[in-house]
Amino acid sequence: MARISSYPQDNLVEGTDKLIGTNEDGDVTKTYTLTSLGEWLKYNTQPIATLTSADGTQFIVAAANDGTIQGIPLDSVAPSITSLPVITGTLNVGETLTVAPGAFTGIPAPTTVLQWQRSDDGLTGWSDIAGATSTSYLLGLLDEDKYIRVQQTEENILGTATANSVSTGQIQPAAFIGLLDEYPNAAGAYSLRKLRALYSGYAIRVTTNGTDSGNIGFVNNELDTASLEAFANGGNAYVSTWYDQSGNGKDVSQSTFSKMPIIVLNGSTISDNLKPALDFQLATLVGTSGYSFTDFAAFSVLNSDTSIAYPVSCQTNNNTGWRQHITGNQAFRSRLFGVNIDTSNTPTLVQNLLGTLSYGTNGYTYVNGVLGASASVTPSQDINANFEIGGSESVNSTLLYDGRFQEVVVYDSDQSTNRTGIETNINNFYNIY
């Protein structure tokens, strides 16, 4: 780099005034005009001269990393990181790690840049994790069996300093394995328990009066009832949105306060078999279209207080699409593409797991893991039908569901080989049968 030894005056003029200095080895004296020096400065970040401005302020002339020339304070110092960044957190997929940046010095104050990195062995081959630049990082499936560290960079006009955290240990599989981790690719999934290790959203959105609102998530993978009851503040809370945990964004919601299901009554969370439940009381939650499939499976955990209703549906009229149905004799029915698949002797006024499956040209109704009925069907999509929990208002607005729901999971594919596993997972949590 050039070493500037003298300059003729303050307030130098580019292209006219000269700076006298030696070359980088210090053995050849050269004269630089500000124009040529400006070109040279684009490739250097060290101060080149101390100048005094017209008002007597002293400053250092230096080139910034973008090639511009700036005046900086005399006490300016390049960045230095004096302690390493430190990572804390649980080393399992689905857990969040945090980093405390290392201490640093520098004048002007450096800009901090954090970058999470991944390695196969914790020693070599570190690569940046795209988008992971904050003080926290959610461990994903790609991190399993890998090692993680954080690279911290401090930068000001005089230069940069970089330090790496100590590598974590090897990232372990998810400590929590949800239904959708074992049986993925659901079209929509609604529950008051967490269904997927990597799901970071809420369970429900609630209101006490139709105007206020609050999101309620999970604690230890179950509904955060403490926050829910705190929100209700001794009164009632109603659900305006039941969030889709599948990752497809197909939330179901209700904007009319009088049609919202209740989840907190007089300050206490409503429950069924010791697990939180939404009490519909003729309420409905409505989603978007696109839930009508030829091959599909729907699983619902419900406890009806009525002898006839349409608990879950996706149809524009009685002969299209599909629905889960409680018949007048208090038995469960799946109605698929205009065909009734009726069970018998299935008490509906208790907690049940209702399964509706369609694949090929066959339709099935399962109650508590047992086949109740089957029939031949002619599948056809009802592409304009909205998915509804609590009714099928486009078919019969009077047959709304009165009872409790705890979980509804819908797949847009043949789940005949997974049915037993799905039902076992659900029953193990809710202890239905």
Protein backbone atom coordinates (compact mmCIF):
# COMPACT_ATOMS: atom_id res chain seq x y z
CA MET A 1 0.00 0.00 0.00
CA ALA A 2 1.11 3.60 -0.42
CA ARG A 3 2.45 5.35 2.64
CA ILE A 4 1.50 9.02 2.60
CA SER A 5 4.23 11.21 4.09
CA SER A 6 3.03 14.73 3.28
CA TYR A 7 0.29 16.74 1.70
CA PRO A 8 0.32 20.42 0.75
CA GLN A 9 -2.75 21.77 2.50
CA ASP A 10 -6.11 21.11 4.11
CA ASN A 11 -9.22 20.81 1.96
CA LEU A 12 -7.54 18.91 -0.85
CA VAL A 13 -9.01 19.15 -4.32
CA GLU A 14 -9.32 15.98 -6.29
CA GLY A 15 -7.43 16.03 -9.57
CA THR A 16 -5.38 19.09 -8.62
CA ASP A 17 -3.63 18.67 -5.28
CA LYS A 18 -0.91 16.14 -4.72
CA LEU A 19 -0.08 13.64 -2.00
CA ILE A 20 3.55 12.65 -1.57
CA GLY A 21 4.38 9.09 -0.47
CA THR A 22 6.39 5.98 -1.02
CA ASN A 23 5.44 2.73 -2.65
CA GLU A 24 4.44 -0.28 -0.55
CA ASP A 25 8.08 -1.29 -0.01
CA GLY A 26 8.99 2.23 1.09
CA ASP A 27 11.83 2.66 -1.40
CA VAL A 28 10.32 4.71 -4.24
CA THR A 29 8.89 8.17 -3.67
CA LYS A 30 5.82 8.91 -5.72
CA THR A 31 3.38 11.73 -6.17
CA TYR A 32 -0.30 10.81 -6.20
CA THR A 33 -3.07 13.03 -7.42
CA LEU A 34 -6.34 12.52 -5.63
CA THR A 35 -7.79 11.07 -8.84
CA SER A 36 -5.25 8.28 -9.15
CA LEU A 37 -5.25 7.76 -5.42
CA GLY A 38 -9.01 7.29 -5.52
CA GLU A 39 -8.56 4.43 -7.97
CA TRP A 40 -5.93 2.86 -5.73
CA LEU A 41 -8.13 3.23 -2.67
CA LYS A 42 -10.78 0.97 -4.16
CA TYR A 43 -8.52 -1.98 -3.36
CA ASN A 44 -7.35 -0.87 0.08
CA THR A 45 -9.10 -0.29 3.37
CA GLN A 46 -6.35 1.27 5.51
CA PRO A 47 -6.13 4.97 6.41
CA ILE A 48 -3.89 7.01 4.12
CA ALA A 49 -3.57 10.43 5.75
CA THR A 50 -4.51 12.57 8.72
CA LEU A 51 -6.09 15.84 7.64
CA THR A 52 -7.46 18.93 9.33
CA SER A 53 -10.64 20.37 7.95
CA ALA A 54 -11.33 24.09 7.60
CA ASP A 55 -13.04 24.18 11.01
CA GLY A 56 -10.04 22.58 12.72
CA THR A 57 -11.49 19.06 13.07
CA GLN A 58 -8.92 16.35 12.55
CA PHE A 59 -9.87 13.16 10.83
CA ILE A 60 -8.40 10.24 8.92
CA VAL A 61 -9.07 9.87 5.24
CA ALA A 62 -9.80 6.21 4.47
CA ALA A 63 -11.42 4.12 1.79
CA ALA A 64 -14.56 2.20 2.68
CA ASN A 65 -15.17 -1.34 1.47
CA ASP A 66 -17.41 -0.01 -1.30
CA GLY A 67 -14.57 2.14 -2.70
CA THR A 68 -15.80 5.49 -1.38
CA ILE A 69 -13.44 7.83 0.48
CA GLN A 70 -14.60 8.85 3.96
CA GLY A 71 -13.36 10.91 6.86
CA ILE A 72 -13.35 9.03 10.17
CA PRO A 73 -12.33 9.97 13.76
CA LEU A 74 -8.65 9.96 14.74
CA ASP A 75 -9.25 7.23 17.34
CA SER A 76 -10.74 4.85 14.78
CA VAL A 77 -9.77 1.23 15.24
CA ALA A 78 -10.35 -1.82 13.06
CA PRO A 79 -12.72 -4.44 14.52
CA SER A 80 -11.47 -7.10 16.88
CA ILE A 81 -13.53 -9.98 18.33
CA THR A 82 -12.32 -10.64 21.85
CA SER A 83 -14.43 -13.68 22.76
CA LEU A 84 -16.08 -16.42 20.71
CA PRO A 85 -19.80 -16.60 19.98
CA VAL A 86 -21.52 -19.23 22.14
CA ILE A 87 -24.35 -21.54 21.04
CA THR A 88 -26.92 -22.86 23.51
CA GLY A 89 -29.94 -25.11 23.07
CA THR A 90 -31.06 -28.73 22.77
CA LEU A 91 -29.40 -30.66 19.94
CA ASN A 92 -32.48 -32.32 18.48
CA VAL A 93 -34.30 -31.73 15.20
CA GLY A 94 -37.23 -29.44 15.89
CA GLU A 95 -35.45 -27.56 18.69
CA THR A 96 -34.23 -23.95 18.47
CA LEU A 97 -30.59 -23.02 19.04
CA THR A 98 -29.55 -19.52 20.08
CA VAL A 99 -26.21 -17.76 19.87
CA ALA A 100 -24.72 -15.07 22.07
CA PRO A 101 -22.32 -13.09 19.84
CA GLY A 102 -18.76 -12.71 21.05
CA ALA A 103 -17.57 -9.43 22.53
CA PHE A 104 -15.90 -7.06 20.09
CA THR A 105 -14.24 -3.68 19.78
CA GLY A 106 -13.88 -1.21 16.93
CA ILE A 107 -14.34 2.46 16.08
CA PRO A 108 -16.55 3.34 14.28
CA ALA A 109 -18.88 0.75 15.84
CA PRO A 110 -18.69 -2.38 13.69
CA THR A 111 -21.67 -3.99 12.01
CA THR A 112 -22.34 -7.54 13.22
CA VAL A 113 -23.16 -10.29 10.73
CA LEU A 114 -24.03 -13.80 11.95
CA GLN A 115 -24.09 -16.87 9.74
CA TRP A 116 -25.12 -20.35 10.88
CA GLN A 117 -23.11 -23.11 9.23
CA ARG A 118 -23.37 -26.89 8.89
CA SER A 119 -20.68 -29.61 8.67
CA ASP A 120 -20.68 -33.37 8.27
CA ASP A 121 -17.98 -33.96 10.86
CA GLY A 122 -17.76 -30.76 12.90
CA LEU A 123 -14.21 -30.09 11.70
CA THR A 124 -14.17 -29.43 7.96
CA GLY A 125 -16.47 -28.67 5.06
CA TRP A 126 -18.44 -25.93 6.79
CA SER A 127 -21.15 -24.46 4.54
CA ASP A 128 -23.52 -21.57 5.08
CA ILE A 129 -27.15 -22.42 5.87
CA ALA A 130 -29.24 -20.28 3.54
CA GLY A 131 -31.20 -17.57 5.33
CA ALA A 132 -29.86 -18.51 8.78
CA THR A 133 -28.46 -15.14 9.89
CA SER A 134 -30.32 -14.31 13.11
CA THR A 135 -29.48 -15.08 16.73
CA SER A 136 -31.71 -18.17 16.66
CA TYR A 137 -31.94 -21.18 14.37
CA LEU A 138 -34.60 -23.91 14.20
CA LEU A 139 -32.95 -27.28 13.61
CA GLY A 140 -34.48 -29.02 10.59
CA LEU A 141 -34.40 -32.49 9.12
CA LEU A 142 -31.35 -31.56 7.01
CA ASP A 143 -29.42 -30.98 10.24
CA GLU A 144 -29.88 -34.49 11.62
CA ASP A 145 -26.50 -36.20 12.19
CA LYS A 146 -24.70 -32.94 11.27
CA TYR A 147 -22.79 -30.37 13.32
CA ILE A 148 -23.63 -26.68 13.65
CA ARG A 149 -21.59 -23.56 14.35
CA VAL A 150 -21.98 -19.78 13.99
CA GLN A 151 -19.56 -17.53 12.14
CA GLN A 152 -19.52 -13.98 13.50
CA THR A 153 -18.15 -11.14 11.38
CA GLU A 154 -17.58 -7.57 12.59
CA GLU A 155 -16.98 -4.89 9.99
CA ASN A 156 -16.26 -1.19 9.89
CA ILE A 157 -14.49 1.08 7.40
CA LEU A 158 -11.05 -0.04 8.58
CA GLY A 159 -11.63 -3.74 8.05
CA THR A 160 -13.28 -6.92 9.24
CA ALA A 161 -12.77 -9.52 11.95
CA THR A 162 -14.22 -13.03 11.97
CA ALA A 163 -14.60 -15.63 14.72
CA ASN A 164 -16.30 -19.03 14.77
CA SER A 165 -18.16 -20.56 17.66
CA VAL A 166 -17.20 -23.97 18.96
CA SER A 167 -19.03 -26.65 16.98
CA THR A 168 -22.08 -28.23 18.55
CA GLY A 169 -22.23 -31.93 19.12
CA GLN A 170 -23.93 -34.11 16.54
CA ILE A 171 -27.57 -33.14 15.97
CA GLN A 172 -29.93 -35.92 17.06
CA PRO A 173 -33.33 -36.91 15.65
CA ALA A 174 -36.40 -35.08 16.83
CA ALA A 175 -37.09 -35.76 20.48
CA PHE A 176 -40.76 -35.37 19.68
CA ILE A 177 -42.25 -37.35 16.79
CA GLY A 178 -45.75 -36.28 15.85
CA LEU A 179 -48.47 -37.97 13.84
CA LEU A 180 -47.43 -36.09 10.70
CA ASP A 181 -43.78 -37.05 11.19
CA GLU A 182 -44.73 -40.72 11.10
CA TYR A 183 -47.46 -40.30 8.46
CA PRO A 184 -46.64 -37.15 6.47
CA ASN A 185 -48.20 -35.41 3.48
CA ALA A 186 -51.59 -34.61 4.98
CA ALA A 187 -53.73 -32.21 2.99
CA GLY A 188 -54.92 -30.55 6.18
CA ALA A 189 -54.43 -31.21 9.87
CA TYR A 190 -56.24 -29.58 12.79
CA SER A 191 -55.56 -30.52 16.38
CA LEU A 192 -55.20 -29.29 19.94
CA ARG A 193 -51.92 -31.21 20.18
CA LYS A 194 -48.81 -30.62 18.09
CA LEU A 195 -48.79 -32.96 15.09
CA ARG A 196 -45.39 -32.26 13.54
CA ALA A 197 -41.98 -31.68 15.14
CA LEU A 198 -41.08 -28.85 12.75
CA TYR A 199 -44.43 -27.09 13.07
CA SER A 200 -43.72 -23.71 14.67
CA GLY A 201 -47.16 -22.11 14.37
CA TYR A 202 -50.12 -21.82 16.68
CA ALA A 203 -52.96 -24.23 17.43
CA ILE A 204 -55.89 -21.80 17.49
CA ARG A 205 -56.84 -18.15 17.39
CA VAL A 206 -59.34 -17.14 20.05
CA THR A 207 -61.55 -14.25 21.05
CA THR A 208 -63.69 -13.43 24.07
CA ASN A 209 -66.11 -11.04 22.41
CA GLY A 210 -65.58 -11.19 18.65
CA THR A 211 -63.35 -8.13 18.70
CA ASP A 212 -60.25 -9.01 20.71
CA SER A 213 -58.06 -11.89 19.60
CA GLY A 214 -55.02 -13.90 20.59
CA ASN A 215 -53.06 -16.86 19.23
CA ILE A 216 -52.57 -19.91 21.44
CA GLY A 217 -49.73 -22.34 20.79
CA PHE A 218 -48.27 -25.37 22.50
CA VAL A 219 -46.32 -26.20 25.64
CA ASN A 220 -44.64 -29.60 25.69
CA ASN A 221 -46.44 -30.38 22.43
CA GLU A 222 -49.92 -29.92 23.91
CA LEU A 223 -52.25 -26.93 23.93
CA ASP A 224 -51.02 -24.06 26.10
CA THR A 225 -54.05 -24.01 28.37
CA ALA A 226 -52.41 -21.64 30.86
CA SER A 227 -52.13 -18.90 28.23
CA LEU A 228 -55.58 -19.77 26.93
CA GLU A 229 -57.24 -19.38 30.33
CA ALA A 230 -55.25 -16.24 31.05
CA PHE A 231 -56.63 -14.77 27.84
CA ALA A 232 -60.19 -15.73 28.84
CA ASN A 233 -59.61 -14.01 32.20
CA GLY A 234 -62.28 -15.96 34.03
CA GLY A 235 -64.80 -15.80 31.19
CA ASN A 236 -65.37 -17.62 27.92
CA ALA A 237 -63.10 -17.93 24.89
CA TYR A 238 -64.19 -18.83 21.37
CA VAL A 239 -62.19 -20.15 18.44
CA SER A 240 -62.13 -17.99 15.33
CA THR A 241 -59.38 -19.97 13.54
CA TRP A 242 -58.17 -23.54 13.83
CA TYR A 243 -54.74 -23.55 12.23
CA ASP A 244 -53.65 -26.14 9.68
CA GLN A 245 -50.51 -27.93 10.86
CA SER A 246 -49.88 -29.76 7.56
CA GLY A 247 -47.87 -26.87 6.11
CA ASN A 248 -50.43 -26.24 3.36
CA GLY A 249 -51.94 -23.16 4.98
CA LYS A 250 -55.53 -24.46 4.80
CA ASP A 251 -56.75 -22.93 8.05
CA VAL A 252 -60.44 -23.15 8.93
CA SER A 253 -62.07 -20.09 10.41
CA GLN A 254 -65.28 -18.32 11.34
CA SER A 255 -65.81 -14.55 11.24
CA THR A 256 -69.32 -14.56 12.75
CA PHE A 257 -68.99 -14.52 16.52
CA SER A 258 -72.25 -16.41 17.14
CA LYS A 259 -71.02 -19.31 14.98
CA MET A 260 -67.65 -19.78 16.69
CA PRO A 261 -67.01 -22.91 18.78
CA ILE A 262 -66.22 -22.37 22.44
CA ILE A 263 -63.07 -23.68 24.13
CA VAL A 264 -63.06 -21.94 27.53
CA LEU A 265 -66.20 -21.82 29.69
CA ASN A 266 -66.22 -19.64 32.80
CA GLY A 267 -62.43 -19.55 32.88
CA SER A 268 -61.82 -23.30 32.46
CA THR A 269 -60.70 -25.11 29.33
CA ILE A 270 -63.34 -27.47 27.96
CA SER A 271 -62.04 -31.03 27.80
CA ASP A 272 -62.98 -34.53 26.76
CA ASN A 273 -61.27 -37.49 28.41
CA LEU A 274 -58.86 -35.04 30.10
CA LYS A 275 -57.72 -33.47 26.81
CA PRO A 276 -58.75 -29.99 25.55
CA ALA A 277 -61.69 -29.91 23.15
CA LEU A 278 -63.61 -27.43 20.99
CA ASP A 279 -67.34 -27.45 21.78
CA PHE A 280 -69.17 -26.60 18.59
CA GLN A 281 -72.76 -26.09 19.81
CA LEU A 282 -73.98 -25.68 16.21
CA ALA A 283 -70.88 -23.72 15.27
CA THR A 284 -68.86 -24.13 12.05
CA LEU A 285 -65.31 -23.51 10.93
CA VAL A 286 -64.95 -23.16 7.18
CA GLY A 287 -61.90 -23.59 4.98
CA THR A 288 -61.21 -23.20 1.31
CA SER A 289 -62.10 -25.42 -1.63
CA GLY A 290 -59.71 -28.09 -2.79
CA TYR A 291 -60.46 -30.79 -0.21
CA SER A 292 -62.48 -32.94 -2.58
CA PHE A 293 -60.43 -35.95 -3.69
CA THR A 294 -61.01 -39.31 -5.31
CA ASP A 295 -58.50 -41.15 -3.11
CA PHE A 296 -58.48 -39.71 0.41
CA ALA A 297 -58.74 -40.43 4.13
CA ALA A 298 -60.28 -38.36 6.93
CA PHE A 299 -59.83 -39.07 10.66
CA SER A 300 -61.85 -37.21 13.30
CA VAL A 301 -61.80 -37.33 17.09
CA LEU A 302 -65.28 -36.24 18.19
CA ASN A 303 -67.94 -36.63 20.85
CA SER A 304 -71.44 -35.79 19.67
CA ASP A 305 -74.27 -34.35 21.73
CA THR A 306 -76.76 -34.71 18.88
CA SER A 307 -78.42 -37.63 17.14
CA ILE A 308 -78.05 -36.33 13.59
CA ALA A 309 -75.52 -33.96 12.07
CA TYR A 310 -72.78 -33.51 9.46
CA PRO A 311 -69.59 -33.13 11.54
CA VAL A 312 -67.07 -32.87 8.66
CA SER A 313 -67.80 -32.26 5.00
CA CYS A 314 -66.55 -31.19 1.62
CA GLN A 315 -69.45 -31.06 -0.87
CA THR A 316 -71.60 -28.61 -2.77
CA ASN A 317 -74.67 -30.87 -2.84
CA ASN A 318 -75.83 -34.16 -1.41
CA ASN A 319 -74.61 -36.28 -4.32
CA THR A 320 -71.10 -34.90 -4.75
CA GLY A 321 -67.97 -34.79 -2.64
CA TRP A 322 -67.89 -36.42 0.78
CA ARG A 323 -68.90 -35.98 4.38
CA GLN A 324 -68.81 -37.69 7.76
CA HIS A 325 -72.35 -38.07 9.02
CA ILE A 326 -74.23 -38.97 12.20
CA THR A 327 -77.49 -40.62 11.20
CA GLY A 328 -80.88 -40.34 12.88
CA ASN A 329 -80.34 -43.64 14.71
CA GLN A 330 -77.10 -42.34 16.23
CA ALA A 331 -74.82 -44.35 13.98
CA PHE A 332 -71.88 -43.12 11.95
CA ARG A 333 -72.00 -42.85 8.18
CA SER A 334 -69.58 -41.87 5.48
CA ARG A 335 -71.31 -40.41 2.44
CA LEU A 336 -68.97 -40.67 -0.53
CA PHE A 337 -69.91 -39.38 -3.97
CA GLY A 338 -73.64 -39.88 -3.30
CA VAL A 339 -73.30 -43.31 -1.61
CA ASN A 340 -74.09 -43.95 2.07
CA ILE A 341 -71.69 -46.24 3.93
CA ASP A 342 -73.55 -46.82 7.18
CA THR A 343 -72.39 -48.43 10.38
CA SER A 344 -74.71 -49.92 12.98
CA ASN A 345 -74.61 -50.13 16.76
CA THR A 346 -71.96 -47.44 17.01
CA PRO A 347 -72.76 -45.13 19.93
CA THR A 348 -72.08 -41.55 18.92
CA LEU A 349 -72.67 -39.84 22.26
CA VAL A 350 -69.20 -40.73 23.54
CA GLN A 351 -65.68 -39.90 22.39
CA ASN A 352 -64.95 -41.69 19.10
CA LEU A 353 -62.38 -41.91 16.36
CA LEU A 354 -64.20 -41.82 13.02
CA GLY A 355 -62.31 -42.81 9.86
CA THR A 356 -63.54 -42.28 6.31
CA LEU A 357 -61.45 -43.74 3.47
CA SER A 358 -61.83 -43.86 -0.28
CA TYR A 359 -59.47 -45.51 -2.72
CA GLY A 360 -60.08 -47.06 -6.09
CA THR A 361 -63.80 -47.69 -6.34
CA ASN A 362 -64.30 -48.57 -2.69
CA GLY A 363 -65.35 -46.53 0.31
CA TYR A 364 -65.00 -47.42 3.99
CA THR A 365 -66.22 -46.25 7.40
CA TYR A 366 -64.14 -47.13 10.46
CA VAL A 367 -65.13 -46.48 14.07
CA ASN A 368 -62.46 -46.78 16.76
CA GLY A 369 -60.19 -48.78 14.47
CA VAL A 370 -62.86 -51.29 13.44
CA LEU A 371 -64.39 -51.51 9.97
CA GLY A 372 -68.05 -50.62 10.29
CA ALA A 373 -69.11 -50.71 6.65
CA SER A 374 -67.86 -50.57 3.08
CA ALA A 375 -69.41 -50.00 -0.33
CA SER A 376 -68.59 -49.52 -3.97
CA VAL A 377 -68.38 -45.89 -5.05
CA THR A 378 -67.78 -43.90 -8.19
CA PRO A 379 -65.25 -41.27 -7.20
CA SER A 380 -65.49 -37.76 -8.61
CA GLN A 381 -64.09 -34.48 -7.40
CA ASP A 382 -66.28 -31.64 -6.22
CA ILE A 383 -63.75 -28.93 -6.91
CA ASN A 384 -65.93 -26.00 -5.79
CA ALA A 385 -66.81 -27.41 -2.37
CA ASN A 386 -65.52 -25.73 0.77
CA PHE A 387 -64.13 -27.87 3.56
CA GLU A 388 -66.18 -27.49 6.74
CA ILE A 389 -65.84 -28.68 10.32
CA GLY A 390 -69.15 -28.59 12.16
CA GLY A 391 -71.56 -28.83 9.27
CA SER A 392 -72.26 -28.84 5.56
CA GLU A 393 -74.17 -25.61 5.15
CA SER A 394 -74.25 -25.83 1.38
CA VAL A 395 -76.19 -29.11 1.69
CA ASN A 396 -78.28 -28.62 4.85
CA SER A 397 -77.77 -25.59 7.04
CA THR A 398 -79.94 -27.04 9.80
CA LEU A 399 -77.88 -30.19 10.44
CA LEU A 400 -75.05 -28.45 12.23
CA TYR A 401 -72.91 -30.41 14.64
CA ASP A 402 -73.48 -30.11 18.38
CA GLY A 403 -70.57 -31.71 20.21
CA ARG A 404 -66.85 -31.61 20.70
CA PHE A 405 -63.89 -31.96 18.34
CA GLN A 406 -60.27 -32.52 19.29
CA GLU A 407 -58.63 -33.46 16.00
CA VAL A 408 -59.38 -33.68 12.27
CA VAL A 409 -56.73 -34.89 9.81
CA VAL A 410 -57.33 -35.23 6.06
CA TYR A 411 -55.08 -36.91 3.47
CA ASP A 412 -55.49 -36.51 -0.29
CA SER A 413 -54.13 -39.97 -1.02
CA ASP A 414 -54.78 -43.64 -0.37
CA GLN A 415 -53.97 -44.29 3.29
CA SER A 416 -55.21 -47.88 3.49
CA THR A 417 -51.76 -49.22 4.38
CA ASN A 418 -51.23 -46.47 6.99
CA ARG A 419 -54.72 -46.49 8.50
CA THR A 420 -53.92 -48.76 11.42
CA GLY A 421 -50.80 -46.78 12.31
CA ILE A 422 -52.61 -43.45 12.09
CA GLU A 423 -55.47 -44.67 14.26
CA THR A 424 -53.05 -46.18 16.78
CA ASN A 425 -51.17 -42.88 17.06
CA ILE A 426 -54.40 -40.97 17.64
CA ASN A 427 -55.77 -43.48 20.15
CA ASN A 428 -52.50 -43.62 22.09
CA PHE A 429 -52.80 -39.89 22.71
CA TYR A 430 -56.53 -39.58 23.38
CA ASN A 431 -57.11 -43.02 24.96
CA ILE A 432 -60.41 -43.44 23.12
CA TYR A 433 -60.79 -47.21 23.01
